[in-house]
Amino acid sequence: MEKNKQSYNCQLITNCKRHALALLAGAAVLTGAANAAVVLDDTFGDGALGTNPGTGGGFVLQTNGLGTGASVSESDSLAKIVDGSGNNTAGIRSSNTFDLSDNSLSYTATWEVASLDFATAGNVERAIFTLQTNDSWLFAGGAEESRLIVEINAQSDEAYIRYQNRSGGSNVNYTTADFALGAFSGDADGFTATMSFDSTGISFTTIGLDATNQANISTTWAALGTFGGFATVTGDGGFHMSAFVQDLSTTGATMDLDRLSLTSIPEASSVGLIIGLVSVLAVARRRR
């Protein structure tokens, strides 16, 4: 009798463990499914830059207006950017804006670069990737704007993250220390640049960059500067996703892009809260 009781208890505990594991797995899946979202995804495969058969709409030409001859196009499953004459900077900006203000989510923007070519060494040579609320050149805009900027600079062989707050028509910059890339002059076979941010801070990494060191930068909002953190960053409205190439005093710098994407996922704390709650329920079930 005692042996049967012990066997029954063991079987009950085993079943409870299985139920608990199933509940935990289900909670994680449901949490991700409920909150994860593809905000923007363009693989530039339809031959028209302004349209996107994927998610989030297409892109348009954006320049700083300081030269002529800039162009953007879509062909061969690539978005192709050519900067213009003089001090022109050219790029693409998403036609649509996206709400990135949910502090329970983590956002990831990815730029898959097929090639990056600066026409002349020694000038200001920069690839600039942004999430920006303004529908104009990066450093212009209205009275109140926010820009999250990551930059790869071939002139100084450095990279950095910048949050630019435009208030009252003036720009205030909050920038990380420069990250040393080592030798870098362009990239013929492509790389991936990724910006991620949530309620606590922001990071920037590269994979496959033709440099001595891959960019790997992260900072909290508090460490970046005194400006109100996540609420201030996301408080000026929806964000465009953009990419620019700059080669001052030269015509012909180019950047080809394979894909641009923007996604949101639950922050770890949100997932942990739900999994923790399910664990408590599983234990309560076991004790019954």
C-alpha atoms as a PDB file:
ATOM      1  CA  MET A   1       0.000   0.000   0.000  1.00  0.00           C
ATOM      2  CA  GLU A   2       2.794   2.418   0.993  1.00  0.00           C
ATOM      3  CA  LYS A   3       4.707   1.508  -2.151  1.00  0.00           C
ATOM      4  CA  ASN A   4       1.663   2.224  -4.326  1.00  0.00           C
ATOM      5  CA  LYS A   5       1.194   5.572  -2.584  1.00  0.00           C
ATOM      6  CA  GLN A   6       4.828   6.534  -3.211  1.00  0.00           C
ATOM      7  CA  SER A   7       4.506   5.487  -6.836  1.00  0.00           C
ATOM      8  CA  TYR A   8       1.360   7.580  -7.183  1.00  0.00           C
ATOM      9  CA  ASN A   9       3.058  10.612  -5.613  1.00  0.00           C
ATOM     10  CA  CYS A  10       6.065  10.259  -7.923  1.00  0.00           C
ATOM     11  CA  GLN A  11       3.767  10.031 -10.926  1.00  0.00           C
ATOM     12  CA  LEU A  12       1.833  13.087  -9.728  1.00  0.00           C
ATOM     13  CA  ILE A  13       5.030  15.101  -9.280  1.00  0.00           C
ATOM     14  CA  THR A  14       6.281  14.003 -12.704  1.00  0.00           C
ATOM     15  CA  ASN A  15       3.000  15.030 -14.320  1.00  0.00           C
ATOM     16  CA  CYS A  16       3.078  18.369 -12.521  1.00  0.00           C
ATOM     17  CA  LYS A  17       6.601  18.986 -13.727  1.00  0.00           C
ATOM     18  CA  ARG A  18       5.503  18.227 -17.264  1.00  0.00           C
ATOM     19  CA  HIS A  19       2.544  20.569 -16.932  1.00  0.00           C
ATOM     20  CA  ALA A  20       4.789  23.274 -15.482  1.00  0.00           C
ATOM     21  CA  LEU A  21       7.286  22.944 -18.323  1.00  0.00           C
ATOM     22  CA  ALA A  22       4.477  23.012 -20.866  1.00  0.00           C
ATOM     23  CA  LEU A  23       3.002  26.105 -19.221  1.00  0.00           C
ATOM     24  CA  LEU A  24       6.397  27.811 -19.161  1.00  0.00           C
ATOM     25  CA  ALA A  25       7.055  27.048 -22.803  1.00  0.00           C
ATOM     26  CA  GLY A  26       3.554  28.086 -23.766  1.00  0.00           C
ATOM     27  CA  ALA A  27       3.851  31.325 -21.833  1.00  0.00           C
ATOM     28  CA  ALA A  28       7.125  32.202 -23.540  1.00  0.00           C
ATOM     29  CA  VAL A  29       5.691  31.430 -26.969  1.00  0.00           C
ATOM     30  CA  LEU A  30       2.458  33.303 -26.315  1.00  0.00           C
ATOM     31  CA  THR A  31       4.290  36.283 -24.885  1.00  0.00           C
ATOM     32  CA  GLY A  32       6.541  36.478 -27.928  1.00  0.00           C
ATOM     33  CA  ALA A  33       3.681  35.911 -30.344  1.00  0.00           C
ATOM     34  CA  ALA A  34       1.550  38.548 -28.660  1.00  0.00           C
ATOM     35  CA  ASN A  35       4.223  41.237 -28.587  1.00  0.00           C
ATOM     36  CA  ALA A  36       6.872  40.487 -31.220  1.00  0.00           C
ATOM     37  CA  ALA A  37       6.237  42.361 -34.439  1.00  0.00           C
ATOM     38  CA  VAL A  38       7.868  43.102 -37.768  1.00  0.00           C
ATOM     39  CA  VAL A  39       7.518  46.852 -38.022  1.00  0.00           C
ATOM     40  CA  LEU A  40       9.378  47.288 -41.325  1.00  0.00           C
ATOM     41  CA  ASP A  41      10.962  44.808 -43.707  1.00  0.00           C
ATOM     42  CA  ASP A  42      12.097  45.721 -47.223  1.00  0.00           C
ATOM     43  CA  THR A  43      14.297  43.437 -49.326  1.00  0.00           C
ATOM     44  CA  PHE A  44      14.127  45.804 -52.325  1.00  0.00           C
ATOM     45  CA  GLY A  45      12.906  43.054 -54.633  1.00  0.00           C
ATOM     46  CA  ASP A  46      10.101  44.712 -56.600  1.00  0.00           C
ATOM     47  CA  GLY A  47      12.201  47.174 -58.606  1.00  0.00           C
ATOM     48  CA  ALA A  48      10.533  50.288 -57.181  1.00  0.00           C
ATOM     49  CA  LEU A  49      12.078  52.040 -54.189  1.00  0.00           C
ATOM     50  CA  GLY A  50       8.841  53.786 -53.267  1.00  0.00           C
ATOM     51  CA  THR A  51       6.911  50.552 -52.805  1.00  0.00           C
ATOM     52  CA  ASN A  52       7.441  47.516 -50.629  1.00  0.00           C
ATOM     53  CA  PRO A  53       5.628  44.177 -50.998  1.00  0.00           C
ATOM     54  CA  GLY A  54       6.770  43.362 -47.454  1.00  0.00           C
ATOM     55  CA  THR A  55       5.890  45.309 -44.312  1.00  0.00           C
ATOM     56  CA  GLY A  56       6.110  49.018 -43.567  1.00  0.00           C
ATOM     57  CA  GLY A  57       6.041  50.799 -46.932  1.00  0.00           C
ATOM     58  CA  GLY A  58       8.790  52.031 -49.232  1.00  0.00           C
ATOM     59  CA  PHE A  59      11.564  54.638 -49.253  1.00  0.00           C
ATOM     60  CA  VAL A  60      12.314  58.034 -50.807  1.00  0.00           C
ATOM     61  CA  LEU A  61      15.442  60.068 -51.643  1.00  0.00           C
ATOM     62  CA  GLN A  62      16.688  62.342 -48.864  1.00  0.00           C
ATOM     63  CA  THR A  63      19.638  64.754 -49.186  1.00  0.00           C
ATOM     64  CA  ASN A  64      21.129  67.619 -47.211  1.00  0.00           C
ATOM     65  CA  GLY A  65      20.545  69.917 -50.186  1.00  0.00           C
ATOM     66  CA  LEU A  66      24.151  71.102 -50.460  1.00  0.00           C
ATOM     67  CA  GLY A  67      24.890  69.767 -53.931  1.00  0.00           C
ATOM     68  CA  THR A  68      23.368  68.220 -57.035  1.00  0.00           C
ATOM     69  CA  GLY A  69      23.364  64.887 -58.765  1.00  0.00           C
ATOM     70  CA  ALA A  70      22.357  62.643 -55.866  1.00  0.00           C
ATOM     71  CA  SER A  71      20.236  59.646 -56.777  1.00  0.00           C
ATOM     72  CA  VAL A  72      18.577  56.597 -55.283  1.00  0.00           C
ATOM     73  CA  SER A  73      17.124  53.637 -57.133  1.00  0.00           C
ATOM     74  CA  GLU A  74      16.116  50.008 -56.741  1.00  0.00           C
ATOM     75  CA  SER A  75      17.338  47.206 -58.993  1.00  0.00           C
ATOM     76  CA  ASP A  76      18.926  43.759 -58.744  1.00  0.00           C
ATOM     77  CA  SER A  77      17.266  43.400 -55.304  1.00  0.00           C
ATOM     78  CA  LEU A  78      19.277  46.356 -53.999  1.00  0.00           C
ATOM     79  CA  ALA A  79      18.559  49.900 -52.911  1.00  0.00           C
ATOM     80  CA  LYS A  80      21.312  51.994 -54.504  1.00  0.00           C
ATOM     81  CA  ILE A  81      22.433  55.350 -53.119  1.00  0.00           C
ATOM     82  CA  VAL A  82      24.790  57.739 -54.953  1.00  0.00           C
ATOM     83  CA  ASP A  83      25.822  60.962 -53.232  1.00  0.00           C
ATOM     84  CA  GLY A  84      25.936  64.160 -55.263  1.00  0.00           C
ATOM     85  CA  SER A  85      28.412  66.907 -56.027  1.00  0.00           C
ATOM     86  CA  GLY A  86      30.060  69.261 -53.561  1.00  0.00           C
ATOM     87  CA  ASN A  87      29.162  68.704 -49.917  1.00  0.00           C
ATOM     88  CA  ASN A  88      26.058  66.734 -50.697  1.00  0.00           C
ATOM     89  CA  THR A  89      24.955  63.815 -48.567  1.00  0.00           C
ATOM     90  CA  ALA A  90      22.376  61.417 -49.994  1.00  0.00           C
ATOM     91  CA  GLY A  91      20.311  58.604 -48.601  1.00  0.00           C
ATOM     92  CA  ILE A  92      16.968  56.879 -48.331  1.00  0.00           C
ATOM     93  CA  ARG A  93      14.273  57.552 -45.750  1.00  0.00           C
ATOM     94  CA  SER A  94      11.204  55.414 -45.097  1.00  0.00           C
ATOM     95  CA  SER A  95       8.004  56.983 -46.346  1.00  0.00           C
ATOM     96  CA  ASN A  96       6.160  55.895 -43.225  1.00  0.00           C
ATOM     97  CA  THR A  97       6.849  56.565 -39.571  1.00  0.00           C
ATOM     98  CA  PHE A  98       6.667  53.997 -36.784  1.00  0.00           C
ATOM     99  CA  ASP A  99       5.677  54.270 -33.142  1.00  0.00           C
ATOM    100  CA  LEU A 100       8.627  53.101 -31.025  1.00  0.00           C
ATOM    101  CA  SER A 101       7.430  54.453 -27.688  1.00  0.00           C
ATOM    102  CA  ASP A 102       6.296  51.302 -25.867  1.00  0.00           C
ATOM    103  CA  ASN A 103       8.639  51.003 -22.880  1.00  0.00           C
ATOM    104  CA  SER A 104       7.793  47.306 -22.448  1.00  0.00           C
ATOM    105  CA  LEU A 105       9.350  46.504 -25.831  1.00  0.00           C
ATOM    106  CA  SER A 106      12.875  46.349 -27.204  1.00  0.00           C
ATOM    107  CA  TYR A 107      13.386  47.656 -30.749  1.00  0.00           C
ATOM    108  CA  THR A 108      15.978  46.455 -33.250  1.00  0.00           C
ATOM    109  CA  ALA A 109      16.835  48.197 -36.522  1.00  0.00           C
ATOM    110  CA  THR A 110      19.029  46.336 -39.012  1.00  0.00           C
ATOM    111  CA  TRP A 111      20.774  47.690 -42.103  1.00  0.00           C
ATOM    112  CA  GLU A 112      22.162  44.956 -44.381  1.00  0.00           C
ATOM    113  CA  VAL A 113      24.742  46.717 -46.558  1.00  0.00           C
ATOM    114  CA  ALA A 114      25.809  45.044 -49.807  1.00  0.00           C
ATOM    115  CA  SER A 115      28.672  47.468 -50.508  1.00  0.00           C
ATOM    116  CA  LEU A 116      30.034  50.835 -49.374  1.00  0.00           C
ATOM    117  CA  ASP A 117      32.425  52.784 -51.573  1.00  0.00           C
ATOM    118  CA  PHE A 118      33.879  56.209 -50.845  1.00  0.00           C
ATOM    119  CA  ALA A 119      35.021  57.933 -54.009  1.00  0.00           C
ATOM    120  CA  THR A 120      38.089  59.721 -52.631  1.00  0.00           C
ATOM    121  CA  ALA A 121      40.168  58.909 -49.570  1.00  0.00           C
ATOM    122  CA  GLY A 122      40.862  61.679 -47.084  1.00  0.00           C
ATOM    123  CA  ASN A 123      37.558  63.531 -47.240  1.00  0.00           C
ATOM    124  CA  VAL A 124      34.729  63.287 -44.721  1.00  0.00           C
ATOM    125  CA  GLU A 125      33.616  59.729 -45.440  1.00  0.00           C
ATOM    126  CA  ARG A 126      30.667  58.491 -43.438  1.00  0.00           C
ATOM    127  CA  ALA A 127      27.925  55.893 -43.502  1.00  0.00           C
ATOM    128  CA  ILE A 128      25.088  57.128 -41.293  1.00  0.00           C
ATOM    129  CA  PHE A 129      22.182  54.979 -40.110  1.00  0.00           C
ATOM    130  CA  THR A 130      19.277  56.614 -38.307  1.00  0.00           C
ATOM    131  CA  LEU A 131      15.895  56.392 -36.721  1.00  0.00           C
ATOM    132  CA  GLN A 132      14.596  59.974 -36.954  1.00  0.00           C
ATOM    133  CA  THR A 133      11.309  61.726 -36.399  1.00  0.00           C
ATOM    134  CA  ASN A 134      11.970  64.431 -39.010  1.00  0.00           C
ATOM    135  CA  ASP A 135      11.086  63.891 -42.671  1.00  0.00           C
ATOM    136  CA  SER A 136      14.037  65.956 -43.869  1.00  0.00           C
ATOM    137  CA  TRP A 137      17.831  65.899 -43.838  1.00  0.00           C
ATOM    138  CA  LEU A 138      19.151  64.431 -40.626  1.00  0.00           C
ATOM    139  CA  PHE A 139      20.292  67.627 -38.902  1.00  0.00           C
ATOM    140  CA  ALA A 140      17.418  69.840 -40.090  1.00  0.00           C
ATOM    141  CA  GLY A 141      13.752  69.583 -39.202  1.00  0.00           C
ATOM    142  CA  GLY A 142      11.066  71.288 -37.175  1.00  0.00           C
ATOM    143  CA  ALA A 143      11.147  72.802 -33.720  1.00  0.00           C
ATOM    144  CA  GLU A 144      10.925  69.496 -31.836  1.00  0.00           C
ATOM    145  CA  GLU A 145      12.584  66.370 -33.230  1.00  0.00           C
ATOM    146  CA  SER A 146      14.475  63.279 -32.057  1.00  0.00           C
ATOM    147  CA  ARG A 147      17.146  61.298 -33.900  1.00  0.00           C
ATOM    148  CA  LEU A 148      18.946  58.101 -32.978  1.00  0.00           C
ATOM    149  CA  ILE A 149      22.121  57.995 -35.062  1.00  0.00           C
ATOM    150  CA  VAL A 150      24.869  55.437 -35.549  1.00  0.00           C
ATOM    151  CA  GLU A 151      27.817  56.437 -37.681  1.00  0.00           C
ATOM    152  CA  ILE A 152      30.753  54.663 -39.296  1.00  0.00           C
ATOM    153  CA  ASN A 153      33.487  57.139 -40.191  1.00  0.00           C
ATOM    154  CA  ALA A 154      36.174  56.056 -42.670  1.00  0.00           C
ATOM    155  CA  GLN A 155      38.107  59.303 -42.315  1.00  0.00           C
ATOM    156  CA  SER A 156      38.797  58.764 -38.617  1.00  0.00           C
ATOM    157  CA  ASP A 157      38.298  54.960 -38.558  1.00  0.00           C
ATOM    158  CA  GLU A 158      35.739  55.308 -35.764  1.00  0.00           C
ATOM    159  CA  ALA A 159      32.114  54.628 -34.941  1.00  0.00           C
ATOM    160  CA  TYR A 160      29.728  56.129 -32.397  1.00  0.00           C
ATOM    161  CA  ILE A 161      26.132  56.374 -31.203  1.00  0.00           C
ATOM    162  CA  ARG A 162      24.453  59.757 -30.984  1.00  0.00           C
ATOM    163  CA  TYR A 163      21.097  60.861 -29.662  1.00  0.00           C
ATOM    164  CA  GLN A 164      20.231  64.237 -31.121  1.00  0.00           C
ATOM    165  CA  ASN A 165      17.484  66.232 -29.490  1.00  0.00           C
ATOM    166  CA  ARG A 166      16.150  69.165 -31.486  1.00  0.00           C
ATOM    167  CA  SER A 167      14.268  71.542 -29.210  1.00  0.00           C
ATOM    168  CA  GLY A 168      13.176  75.043 -30.076  1.00  0.00           C
ATOM    169  CA  GLY A 169      14.828  74.650 -33.483  1.00  0.00           C
ATOM    170  CA  SER A 170      18.318  73.965 -32.063  1.00  0.00           C
ATOM    171  CA  ASN A 171      20.190  70.642 -32.016  1.00  0.00           C
ATOM    172  CA  VAL A 172      21.697  69.231 -28.834  1.00  0.00           C
ATOM    173  CA  ASN A 173      23.911  66.155 -29.245  1.00  0.00           C
ATOM    174  CA  TYR A 174      24.517  63.357 -26.745  1.00  0.00           C
ATOM    175  CA  THR A 175      27.276  61.127 -28.097  1.00  0.00           C
ATOM    176  CA  THR A 176      29.198  58.088 -26.910  1.00  0.00           C
ATOM    177  CA  ALA A 177      32.974  58.019 -26.904  1.00  0.00           C
ATOM    178  CA  ASP A 178      34.415  57.139 -30.306  1.00  0.00           C
ATOM    179  CA  PHE A 179      34.876  53.415 -30.883  1.00  0.00           C
ATOM    180  CA  ALA A 180      38.138  52.597 -32.708  1.00  0.00           C
ATOM    181  CA  LEU A 181      37.493  50.477 -35.789  1.00  0.00           C
ATOM    182  CA  GLY A 182      41.137  50.258 -36.808  1.00  0.00           C
ATOM    183  CA  ALA A 183      41.885  50.375 -40.519  1.00  0.00           C
ATOM    184  CA  PHE A 184      38.697  51.059 -42.503  1.00  0.00           C
ATOM    185  CA  SER A 185      38.226  52.650 -45.922  1.00  0.00           C
ATOM    186  CA  GLY A 186      35.022  51.115 -47.249  1.00  0.00           C
ATOM    187  CA  ASP A 187      33.501  47.684 -47.743  1.00  0.00           C
ATOM    188  CA  ALA A 188      33.187  45.973 -51.110  1.00  0.00           C
ATOM    189  CA  ASP A 189      31.447  42.791 -49.943  1.00  0.00           C
ATOM    190  CA  GLY A 190      29.048  44.128 -47.354  1.00  0.00           C
ATOM    191  CA  PHE A 191      28.259  44.075 -43.651  1.00  0.00           C
ATOM    192  CA  THR A 192      25.341  44.241 -41.250  1.00  0.00           C
ATOM    193  CA  ALA A 193      24.793  47.158 -38.876  1.00  0.00           C
ATOM    194  CA  THR A 194      22.365  46.748 -35.972  1.00  0.00           C
ATOM    195  CA  MET A 195      20.945  49.306 -33.551  1.00  0.00           C
ATOM    196  CA  SER A 196      18.928  48.057 -30.569  1.00  0.00           C
ATOM    197  CA  PHE A 197      17.293  50.090 -27.837  1.00  0.00           C
ATOM    198  CA  ASP A 198      14.785  49.779 -25.030  1.00  0.00           C
ATOM    199  CA  SER A 199      13.704  51.702 -21.938  1.00  0.00           C
ATOM    200  CA  THR A 200      17.182  51.450 -20.378  1.00  0.00           C
ATOM    201  CA  GLY A 201      19.617  52.201 -23.209  1.00  0.00           C
ATOM    202  CA  ILE A 202      20.934  51.668 -26.724  1.00  0.00           C
ATOM    203  CA  SER A 203      23.563  49.564 -28.508  1.00  0.00           C
ATOM    204  CA  PHE A 204      25.214  49.383 -31.936  1.00  0.00           C
ATOM    205  CA  THR A 205      27.085  46.457 -33.480  1.00  0.00           C
ATOM    206  CA  THR A 206      28.434  45.422 -36.867  1.00  0.00           C
ATOM    207  CA  ILE A 207      29.067  42.014 -38.400  1.00  0.00           C
ATOM    208  CA  GLY A 208      31.308  41.539 -41.415  1.00  0.00           C
ATOM    209  CA  LEU A 209      32.594  45.106 -41.558  1.00  0.00           C
ATOM    210  CA  ASP A 210      35.903  45.304 -43.447  1.00  0.00           C
ATOM    211  CA  ALA A 211      37.733  46.852 -40.502  1.00  0.00           C
ATOM    212  CA  THR A 212      40.205  45.699 -37.887  1.00  0.00           C
ATOM    213  CA  ASN A 213      37.493  45.770 -35.210  1.00  0.00           C
ATOM    214  CA  GLN A 214      33.749  45.250 -35.433  1.00  0.00           C
ATOM    215  CA  ALA A 215      31.734  48.049 -33.867  1.00  0.00           C
ATOM    216  CA  ASN A 216      30.416  47.067 -30.438  1.00  0.00           C
ATOM    217  CA  ILE A 217      29.018  50.017 -28.495  1.00  0.00           C
ATOM    218  CA  SER A 218      26.392  50.164 -25.758  1.00  0.00           C
ATOM    219  CA  THR A 219      25.264  52.733 -23.228  1.00  0.00           C
ATOM    220  CA  THR A 220      22.409  53.488 -20.893  1.00  0.00           C
ATOM    221  CA  TRP A 221      20.306  56.592 -21.479  1.00  0.00           C
ATOM    222  CA  ALA A 222      21.471  57.923 -18.115  1.00  0.00           C
ATOM    223  CA  ALA A 223      25.134  57.489 -19.057  1.00  0.00           C
ATOM    224  CA  LEU A 224      24.582  59.130 -22.438  1.00  0.00           C
ATOM    225  CA  GLY A 225      23.314  62.373 -20.924  1.00  0.00           C
ATOM    226  CA  THR A 226      20.701  64.230 -18.912  1.00  0.00           C
ATOM    227  CA  PHE A 227      17.704  64.588 -21.206  1.00  0.00           C
ATOM    228  CA  GLY A 228      14.875  62.515 -19.727  1.00  0.00           C
ATOM    229  CA  GLY A 229      15.804  59.096 -21.119  1.00  0.00           C
ATOM    230  CA  PHE A 230      13.532  56.852 -23.160  1.00  0.00           C
ATOM    231  CA  ALA A 231      10.435  59.031 -22.709  1.00  0.00           C
ATOM    232  CA  THR A 232      12.232  62.035 -24.202  1.00  0.00           C
ATOM    233  CA  VAL A 233      13.807  60.024 -27.019  1.00  0.00           C
ATOM    234  CA  THR A 234      10.459  58.630 -28.155  1.00  0.00           C
ATOM    235  CA  GLY A 235       8.294  61.601 -27.207  1.00  0.00           C
ATOM    236  CA  ASP A 236       8.436  63.537 -30.491  1.00  0.00           C
ATOM    237  CA  GLY A 237       6.329  61.178 -32.583  1.00  0.00           C
ATOM    238  CA  GLY A 238       6.899  58.339 -35.014  1.00  0.00           C
ATOM    239  CA  PHE A 239      10.319  57.438 -36.439  1.00  0.00           C
ATOM    240  CA  HIS A 240      11.512  57.114 -40.024  1.00  0.00           C
ATOM    241  CA  MET A 241      14.258  54.576 -40.761  1.00  0.00           C
ATOM    242  CA  SER A 242      17.076  56.007 -42.885  1.00  0.00           C
ATOM    243  CA  ALA A 243      20.528  55.374 -44.352  1.00  0.00           C
ATOM    244  CA  PHE A 244      22.952  57.980 -45.760  1.00  0.00           C
ATOM    245  CA  VAL A 245      26.346  58.025 -47.445  1.00  0.00           C
ATOM    246  CA  GLN A 246      28.564  61.106 -47.270  1.00  0.00           C
ATOM    247  CA  ASP A 247      31.802  61.930 -49.077  1.00  0.00           C
ATOM    248  CA  LEU A 248      32.369  65.680 -48.987  1.00  0.00           C
ATOM    249  CA  SER A 249      33.697  67.627 -51.967  1.00  0.00           C
ATOM    250  CA  THR A 250      33.384  64.545 -54.181  1.00  0.00           C
ATOM    251  CA  THR A 251      30.821  62.985 -56.460  1.00  0.00           C
ATOM    252  CA  GLY A 252      30.261  59.275 -56.638  1.00  0.00           C
ATOM    253  CA  ALA A 253      30.358  57.733 -53.166  1.00  0.00           C
ATOM    254  CA  THR A 254      27.882  54.857 -53.137  1.00  0.00           C
ATOM    255  CA  MET A 255      26.101  52.547 -50.742  1.00  0.00           C
ATOM    256  CA  ASP A 256      24.027  49.553 -51.839  1.00  0.00           C
ATOM    257  CA  LEU A 257      21.597  47.986 -49.388  1.00  0.00           C
ATOM    258  CA  ASP A 258      20.289  44.412 -49.384  1.00  0.00           C
ATOM    259  CA  ARG A 259      17.638  44.860 -46.730  1.00  0.00           C
ATOM    260  CA  LEU A 260      16.339  47.203 -44.042  1.00  0.00           C
ATOM    261  CA  SER A 261      14.268  45.855 -41.185  1.00  0.00           C
ATOM    262  CA  LEU A 262      12.813  47.053 -37.909  1.00  0.00           C
ATOM    263  CA  THR A 263      11.341  44.737 -35.282  1.00  0.00           C
ATOM    264  CA  SER A 264      10.031  44.868 -31.740  1.00  0.00           C
ATOM    265  CA  ILE A 265      10.199  42.177 -29.063  1.00  0.00           C
ATOM    266  CA  PRO A 266       9.183  42.034 -25.390  1.00  0.00           C
ATOM    267  CA  GLU A 267      11.815  43.186 -22.935  1.00  0.00           C
ATOM    268  CA  ALA A 268      13.285  40.366 -20.836  1.00  0.00           C
ATOM    269  CA  SER A 269      11.625  41.741 -17.709  1.00  0.00           C
ATOM    270  CA  SER A 270       8.181  41.379 -19.308  1.00  0.00           C
ATOM    271  CA  VAL A 271       8.808  37.785 -20.348  1.00  0.00           C
ATOM    272  CA  GLY A 272      10.304  36.994 -16.958  1.00  0.00           C
ATOM    273  CA  LEU A 273       7.265  38.379 -15.150  1.00  0.00           C
ATOM    274  CA  ILE A 274       4.888  36.129 -17.058  1.00  0.00           C
ATOM    275  CA  ILE A 275       7.114  33.057 -16.754  1.00  0.00           C
ATOM    276  CA  GLY A 276       7.490  33.742 -13.036  1.00  0.00           C
ATOM    277  CA  LEU A 277       3.720  33.927 -12.663  1.00  0.00           C
ATOM    278  CA  VAL A 278       3.272  30.629 -14.496  1.00  0.00           C
ATOM    279  CA  SER A 279       5.914  29.056 -12.228  1.00  0.00           C
ATOM    280  CA  VAL A 280       3.946  30.100  -9.156  1.00  0.00           C
ATOM    281  CA  LEU A 281       0.766  28.608 -10.627  1.00  0.00           C
ATOM    282  CA  ALA A 282       2.613  25.387 -11.451  1.00  0.00           C
ATOM    283  CA  VAL A 283       3.885  25.078  -7.875  1.00  0.00           C
ATOM    284  CA  ALA A 284       0.412  25.745  -6.503  1.00  0.00           C
ATOM    285  CA  ARG A 285      -0.962  23.007  -8.760  1.00  0.00           C
ATOM    286  CA  ARG A 286       1.708  20.595  -7.533  1.00  0.00           C
ATOM    287  CA  ARG A 287       0.864  21.260  -3.888  1.00  0.00           C
ATOM    288  CA  ARG A 288      -2.751  20.378  -4.559  1.00  0.00           C
END
